[in-house]
Amino acid sequence: MTTRTPALTIQHIPWSPAEEAAYCVLVDHTGGTEAAPPCPDCNSPERECETGAQLRRALRDATTARRAG
């Protein structure tokens, strides 16, 4: 009897502490918390929030650093 294995597999790649921190700050900003509402500019179709853009760049830079490291 043969066992079927999926052609595509998902690989768990652990995030660095910098990535986790950047992601948490981004989620808190864009999704809101109990203490603060979500950012209306990040959640608009235009995404014109400079803070949100900076947070996304920080997450991208942390991911790039992990991959290079």
PDB file of N, CA and C in Angstrom:
ATOM      1  N   MET A   1       0.835  -1.171   0.000  1.00  0.00           N
ATOM      2  CA  MET A   1       0.000   0.000   0.000  1.00  0.00           C
ATOM      3  C   MET A   1       0.889   1.246   0.000  1.00  0.00           C
ATOM      4  N   THR A   2       0.581   2.194  -0.859  1.00  0.00           N
ATOM      5  CA  THR A   2       1.382   3.407  -0.933  1.00  0.00           C
ATOM      6  C   THR A   2       0.713   4.523  -0.142  1.00  0.00           C
ATOM      7  N   THR A   3       1.531   5.404   0.354  1.00  0.00           N
ATOM      8  CA  THR A   3       1.033   6.549   1.107  1.00  0.00           C
ATOM      9  C   THR A   3       1.098   7.775   0.213  1.00  0.00           C
ATOM     10  N   ARG A   4       0.005   8.458   0.127  1.00  0.00           N
ATOM     11  CA  ARG A   4      -0.008   9.680  -0.669  1.00  0.00           C
ATOM     12  C   ARG A   4       0.605  10.815   0.125  1.00  0.00           C
ATOM     13  N   THR A   5       1.460  11.550  -0.521  1.00  0.00           N
ATOM     14  CA  THR A   5       2.024  12.741   0.097  1.00  0.00           C
ATOM     15  C   THR A   5       1.673  13.928  -0.787  1.00  0.00           C
ATOM     16  N   PRO A   6       1.362  15.034  -0.185  1.00  0.00           N
ATOM     17  CA  PRO A   6       1.011  16.197  -0.997  1.00  0.00           C
ATOM     18  C   PRO A   6       2.219  16.696  -1.792  1.00  0.00           C
ATOM     19  N   ALA A   7       1.947  17.191  -2.974  1.00  0.00           N
ATOM     20  CA  ALA A   7       3.018  17.701  -3.824  1.00  0.00           C
ATOM     21  C   ALA A   7       3.633  18.962  -3.218  1.00  0.00           C
ATOM     22  N   LEU A   8       2.785  19.772  -2.604  1.00  0.00           N
ATOM     23  CA  LEU A   8       3.271  21.000  -1.981  1.00  0.00           C
ATOM     24  C   LEU A   8       3.274  20.823  -0.472  1.00  0.00           C
ATOM     25  N   THR A   9       4.326  21.252   0.149  1.00  0.00           N
ATOM     26  CA  THR A   9       4.377  21.194   1.597  1.00  0.00           C
ATOM     27  C   THR A   9       4.623  22.593   2.133  1.00  0.00           C
ATOM     28  N   ILE A  10       4.183  22.816   3.327  1.00  0.00           N
ATOM     29  CA  ILE A  10       4.399  24.100   3.994  1.00  0.00           C
ATOM     30  C   ILE A  10       5.555  23.928   4.951  1.00  0.00           C
ATOM     31  N   GLN A  11       6.522  24.780   4.814  1.00  0.00           N
ATOM     32  CA  GLN A  11       7.694  24.720   5.681  1.00  0.00           C
ATOM     33  C   GLN A  11       7.569  25.817   6.727  1.00  0.00           C
ATOM     34  N   HIS A  12       7.707  25.430   7.978  1.00  0.00           N
ATOM     35  CA  HIS A  12       7.655  26.414   9.058  1.00  0.00           C
ATOM     36  C   HIS A  12       9.036  27.038   9.208  1.00  0.00           C
ATOM     37  N   ILE A  13       9.108  28.314   8.967  1.00  0.00           N
ATOM     38  CA  ILE A  13      10.365  29.043   9.127  1.00  0.00           C
ATOM     39  C   ILE A  13      10.190  29.967  10.326  1.00  0.00           C
ATOM     40  N   PRO A  14      10.877  29.695  11.411  1.00  0.00           N
ATOM     41  CA  PRO A  14      10.703  30.541  12.591  1.00  0.00           C
ATOM     42  C   PRO A  14      11.196  31.966  12.332  1.00  0.00           C
ATOM     43  N   TRP A  15      10.446  32.921  12.845  1.00  0.00           N
ATOM     44  CA  TRP A  15      10.821  34.322  12.689  1.00  0.00           C
ATOM     45  C   TRP A  15      11.878  34.694  13.714  1.00  0.00           C
ATOM     46  N   SER A  16      12.634  35.682  13.367  1.00  0.00           N
ATOM     47  CA  SER A  16      13.601  36.227  14.306  1.00  0.00           C
ATOM     48  C   SER A  16      12.851  37.099  15.316  1.00  0.00           C
ATOM     49  N   PRO A  17      13.465  37.399  16.456  1.00  0.00           N
ATOM     50  CA  PRO A  17      12.814  38.298  17.415  1.00  0.00           C
ATOM     51  C   PRO A  17      12.492  39.664  16.803  1.00  0.00           C
ATOM     52  N   ALA A  18      13.348  40.156  15.916  1.00  0.00           N
ATOM     53  CA  ALA A  18      13.087  41.448  15.267  1.00  0.00           C
ATOM     54  C   ALA A  18      11.856  41.377  14.372  1.00  0.00           C
ATOM     55  N   GLU A  19      11.698  40.254  13.654  1.00  0.00           N
ATOM     56  CA  GLU A  19      10.517  40.090  12.807  1.00  0.00           C
ATOM     57  C   GLU A  19       9.243  40.019  13.645  1.00  0.00           C
ATOM     58  N   GLU A  20       9.291  39.261  14.723  1.00  0.00           N
ATOM     59  CA  GLU A  20       8.110  39.143  15.583  1.00  0.00           C
ATOM     60  C   GLU A  20       7.720  40.496  16.167  1.00  0.00           C
ATOM     61  N   ALA A  21       8.711  41.261  16.619  1.00  0.00           N
ATOM     62  CA  ALA A  21       8.428  42.575  17.192  1.00  0.00           C
ATOM     63  C   ALA A  21       7.842  43.511  16.136  1.00  0.00           C
ATOM     64  N   ALA A  22       8.430  43.527  14.946  1.00  0.00           N
ATOM     65  CA  ALA A  22       7.936  44.397  13.868  1.00  0.00           C
ATOM     66  C   ALA A  22       6.516  44.002  13.470  1.00  0.00           C
ATOM     67  N   TYR A  23       6.245  42.707  13.404  1.00  0.00           N
ATOM     68  CA  TYR A  23       4.919  42.231  13.027  1.00  0.00           C
ATOM     69  C   TYR A  23       3.885  42.631  14.084  1.00  0.00           C
ATOM     70  N   CYS A  24       4.215  42.461  15.344  1.00  0.00           N
ATOM     71  CA  CYS A  24       3.276  42.806  16.417  1.00  0.00           C
ATOM     72  C   CYS A  24       2.928  44.288  16.392  1.00  0.00           C
ATOM     73  N   VAL A  25       3.924  45.136  16.184  1.00  0.00           N
ATOM     74  CA  VAL A  25       3.666  46.577  16.123  1.00  0.00           C
ATOM     75  C   VAL A  25       2.795  46.908  14.910  1.00  0.00           C
ATOM     76  N   LEU A  26       3.073  46.281  13.778  1.00  0.00           N
ATOM     77  CA  LEU A  26       2.282  46.509  12.571  1.00  0.00           C
ATOM     78  C   LEU A  26       0.832  46.066  12.777  1.00  0.00           C
ATOM     79  N   VAL A  27       0.634  44.898  13.367  1.00  0.00           N
ATOM     80  CA  VAL A  27      -0.727  44.404  13.609  1.00  0.00           C
ATOM     81  C   VAL A  27      -1.463  45.318  14.583  1.00  0.00           C
ATOM     82  N   ASP A  28      -0.784  45.748  15.628  1.00  0.00           N
ATOM     83  CA  ASP A  28      -1.421  46.658  16.582  1.00  0.00           C
ATOM     84  C   ASP A  28      -1.831  47.963  15.900  1.00  0.00           C
ATOM     85  N   HIS A  29      -1.004  48.445  14.980  1.00  0.00           N
ATOM     86  CA  HIS A  29      -1.300  49.708  14.298  1.00  0.00           C
ATOM     87  C   HIS A  29      -2.439  49.539  13.295  1.00  0.00           C
ATOM     88  N   THR A  30      -2.368  48.526  12.471  1.00  0.00           N
ATOM     89  CA  THR A  30      -3.370  48.371  11.405  1.00  0.00           C
ATOM     90  C   THR A  30      -4.670  47.751  11.886  1.00  0.00           C
ATOM     91  N   GLY A  31      -4.588  46.853  12.862  1.00  0.00           N
ATOM     92  CA  GLY A  31      -5.786  46.154  13.321  1.00  0.00           C
ATOM     93  C   GLY A  31      -6.385  46.718  14.584  1.00  0.00           C
ATOM     94  N   GLY A  32      -5.631  47.544  15.264  1.00  0.00           N
ATOM     95  CA  GLY A  32      -6.114  48.112  16.499  1.00  0.00           C
ATOM     96  C   GLY A  32      -5.932  47.180  17.680  1.00  0.00           C
ATOM     97  N   THR A  33      -6.118  47.716  18.845  1.00  0.00           N
ATOM     98  CA  THR A  33      -6.031  46.953  20.089  1.00  0.00           C
ATOM     99  C   THR A  33      -7.230  47.342  20.945  1.00  0.00           C
ATOM    100  N   GLU A  34      -7.291  46.772  22.129  1.00  0.00           N
ATOM    101  CA  GLU A  34      -8.370  47.159  23.046  1.00  0.00           C
ATOM    102  C   GLU A  34      -8.231  48.626  23.439  1.00  0.00           C
ATOM    103  N   ALA A  35      -7.005  49.131  23.457  1.00  0.00           N
ATOM    104  CA  ALA A  35      -6.767  50.501  23.890  1.00  0.00           C
ATOM    105  C   ALA A  35      -6.853  51.521  22.756  1.00  0.00           C
ATOM    106  N   ALA A  36      -6.643  51.088  21.522  1.00  0.00           N
ATOM    107  CA  ALA A  36      -6.628  52.029  20.397  1.00  0.00           C
ATOM    108  C   ALA A  36      -7.343  51.421  19.196  1.00  0.00           C
ATOM    109  N   PRO A  37      -8.082  52.237  18.452  1.00  0.00           N
ATOM    110  CA  PRO A  37      -8.773  51.716  17.267  1.00  0.00           C
ATOM    111  C   PRO A  37      -7.800  51.466  16.119  1.00  0.00           C
ATOM    112  N   PRO A  38      -8.229  50.719  15.102  1.00  0.00           N
ATOM    113  CA  PRO A  38      -7.367  50.498  13.940  1.00  0.00           C
ATOM    114  C   PRO A  38      -7.116  51.806  13.185  1.00  0.00           C
ATOM    115  N   CYS A  39      -6.013  51.847  12.498  1.00  0.00           N
ATOM    116  CA  CYS A  39      -5.658  53.034  11.728  1.00  0.00           C
ATOM    117  C   CYS A  39      -6.575  53.128  10.500  1.00  0.00           C
ATOM    118  N   PRO A  40      -7.351  54.197  10.373  1.00  0.00           N
ATOM    119  CA  PRO A  40      -8.248  54.309   9.227  1.00  0.00           C
ATOM    120  C   PRO A  40      -7.497  54.481   7.905  1.00  0.00           C
ATOM    121  N   ASP A  41      -6.332  55.121   7.939  1.00  0.00           N
ATOM    122  CA  ASP A  41      -5.571  55.325   6.701  1.00  0.00           C
ATOM    123  C   ASP A  41      -4.964  54.022   6.195  1.00  0.00           C
ATOM    124  N   CYS A  42      -4.519  53.152   7.097  1.00  0.00           N
ATOM    125  CA  CYS A  42      -3.957  51.864   6.676  1.00  0.00           C
ATOM    126  C   CYS A  42      -5.038  50.956   6.110  1.00  0.00           C
ATOM    127  N   ASN A  43      -6.253  51.109   6.608  1.00  0.00           N
ATOM    128  CA  ASN A  43      -7.344  50.247   6.191  1.00  0.00           C
ATOM    129  C   ASN A  43      -8.149  50.815   5.027  1.00  0.00           C
ATOM    130  N   SER A  44      -7.701  51.931   4.479  1.00  0.00           N
ATOM    131  CA  SER A  44      -8.370  52.485   3.301  1.00  0.00           C
ATOM    132  C   SER A  44      -7.749  51.862   2.051  1.00  0.00           C
ATOM    133  N   PRO A  45      -8.446  51.889   0.934  1.00  0.00           N
ATOM    134  CA  PRO A  45      -7.890  51.307  -0.303  1.00  0.00           C
ATOM    135  C   PRO A  45      -6.572  51.961  -0.732  1.00  0.00           C
ATOM    136  N   GLU A  46      -6.393  53.230  -0.408  1.00  0.00           N
ATOM    137  CA  GLU A  46      -5.179  53.936  -0.819  1.00  0.00           C
ATOM    138  C   GLU A  46      -3.968  53.611   0.059  1.00  0.00           C
ATOM    139  N   ARG A  47      -4.219  53.192   1.290  1.00  0.00           N
ATOM    140  CA  ARG A  47      -3.147  52.899   2.259  1.00  0.00           C
ATOM    141  C   ARG A  47      -2.141  54.035   2.312  1.00  0.00           C
ATOM    142  N   GLU A  48      -2.621  55.231   2.625  1.00  0.00           N
ATOM    143  CA  GLU A  48      -1.792  56.429   2.617  1.00  0.00           C
ATOM    144  C   GLU A  48      -1.158  56.750   3.963  1.00  0.00           C
ATOM    145  N   CYS A  49      -1.071  55.815   4.847  1.00  0.00           N
ATOM    146  CA  CYS A  49      -0.522  56.062   6.181  1.00  0.00           C
ATOM    147  C   CYS A  49       1.000  55.895   6.158  1.00  0.00           C
ATOM    148  N   GLU A  50       1.706  56.959   6.461  1.00  0.00           N
ATOM    149  CA  GLU A  50       3.172  56.890   6.459  1.00  0.00           C
ATOM    150  C   GLU A  50       3.685  56.000   7.588  1.00  0.00           C
ATOM    151  N   THR A  51       3.018  56.014   8.728  1.00  0.00           N
ATOM    152  CA  THR A  51       3.430  55.146   9.836  1.00  0.00           C
ATOM    153  C   THR A  51       3.293  53.676   9.441  1.00  0.00           C
ATOM    154  N   GLY A  52       2.173  53.338   8.815  1.00  0.00           N
ATOM    155  CA  GLY A  52       1.975  51.963   8.358  1.00  0.00           C
ATOM    156  C   GLY A  52       3.025  51.549   7.342  1.00  0.00           C
ATOM    157  N   ALA A  53       3.369  52.470   6.435  1.00  0.00           N
ATOM    158  CA  ALA A  53       4.396  52.178   5.432  1.00  0.00           C
ATOM    159  C   ALA A  53       5.747  51.939   6.107  1.00  0.00           C
ATOM    160  N   GLN A  54       6.063  52.738   7.111  1.00  0.00           N
ATOM    161  CA  GLN A  54       7.324  52.560   7.838  1.00  0.00           C
ATOM    162  C   GLN A  54       7.341  51.222   8.571  1.00  0.00           C
ATOM    163  N   LEU A  55       6.215  50.841   9.156  1.00  0.00           N
ATOM    164  CA  LEU A  55       6.147  49.573   9.875  1.00  0.00           C
ATOM    165  C   LEU A  55       6.277  48.389   8.921  1.00  0.00           C
ATOM    166  N   ARG A  56       5.665  48.483   7.734  1.00  0.00           N
ATOM    167  CA  ARG A  56       5.808  47.408   6.744  1.00  0.00           C
ATOM    168  C   ARG A  56       7.255  47.305   6.257  1.00  0.00           C
ATOM    169  N   ARG A  57       7.913  48.462   6.092  1.00  0.00           N
ATOM    170  CA  ARG A  57       9.333  48.447   5.698  1.00  0.00           C
ATOM    171  C   ARG A  57      10.193  47.820   6.792  1.00  0.00           C
ATOM    172  N   ALA A  58       9.876  48.106   8.044  1.00  0.00           N
ATOM    173  CA  ALA A  58      10.641  47.532   9.155  1.00  0.00           C
ATOM    174  C   ALA A  58      10.512  46.011   9.176  1.00  0.00           C
ATOM    175  N   LEU A  59       9.304  45.509   8.919  1.00  0.00           N
ATOM    176  CA  LEU A  59       9.106  44.057   8.859  1.00  0.00           C
ATOM    177  C   LEU A  59       9.869  43.471   7.677  1.00  0.00           C
ATOM    178  N   ARG A  60       9.798  44.124   6.523  1.00  0.00           N
ATOM    179  CA  ARG A  60      10.531  43.650   5.349  1.00  0.00           C
ATOM    180  C   ARG A  60      12.034  43.641   5.612  1.00  0.00           C
ATOM    181  N   ASP A  61      12.546  44.702   6.239  1.00  0.00           N
ATOM    182  CA  ASP A  61      13.977  44.776   6.529  1.00  0.00           C
ATOM    183  C   ASP A  61      14.410  43.693   7.519  1.00  0.00           C
ATOM    184  N   ALA A  62      13.560  43.412   8.516  1.00  0.00           N
ATOM    185  CA  ALA A  62      13.886  42.357   9.487  1.00  0.00           C
ATOM    186  C   ALA A  62      13.913  40.991   8.815  1.00  0.00           C
ATOM    187  N   THR A  63      12.992  40.769   7.870  1.00  0.00           N
ATOM    188  CA  THR A  63      12.975  39.501   7.149  1.00  0.00           C
ATOM    189  C   THR A  63      14.202  39.377   6.252  1.00  0.00           C
ATOM    190  N   THR A  64      14.548  40.460   5.591  1.00  0.00           N
ATOM    191  CA  THR A  64      15.744  40.464   4.741  1.00  0.00           C
ATOM    192  C   THR A  64      17.000  40.174   5.557  1.00  0.00           C
ATOM    193  N   ALA A  65      17.083  40.767   6.749  1.00  0.00           N
ATOM    194  CA  ALA A  65      18.234  40.551   7.622  1.00  0.00           C
ATOM    195  C   ALA A  65      18.321  39.092   8.063  1.00  0.00           C
ATOM    196  N   ARG A  66      17.173  38.477   8.375  1.00  0.00           N
ATOM    197  CA  ARG A  66      17.184  37.069   8.783  1.00  0.00           C
ATOM    198  C   ARG A  66      17.645  36.192   7.636  1.00  0.00           C
ATOM    199  N   ARG A  67      17.165  36.461   6.450  1.00  0.00           N
ATOM    200  CA  ARG A  67      17.549  35.637   5.302  1.00  0.00           C
ATOM    201  C   ARG A  67      19.019  35.790   4.960  1.00  0.00           C
ATOM    202  N   ALA A  68      19.553  36.977   5.159  1.00  0.00           N
ATOM    203  CA  ALA A  68      20.974  37.225   4.845  1.00  0.00           C
ATOM    204  C   ALA A  68      21.888  36.668   5.923  1.00  0.00           C
ATOM    205  N   GLY A  69      21.343  36.561   7.131  1.00  0.00           N
ATOM    206  CA  GLY A  69      22.146  36.248   8.280  1.00  0.00           C
ATOM    207  C   GLY A  69      22.599  34.902   8.465  1.00  0.00           C
TER     208      GLY A  69
END
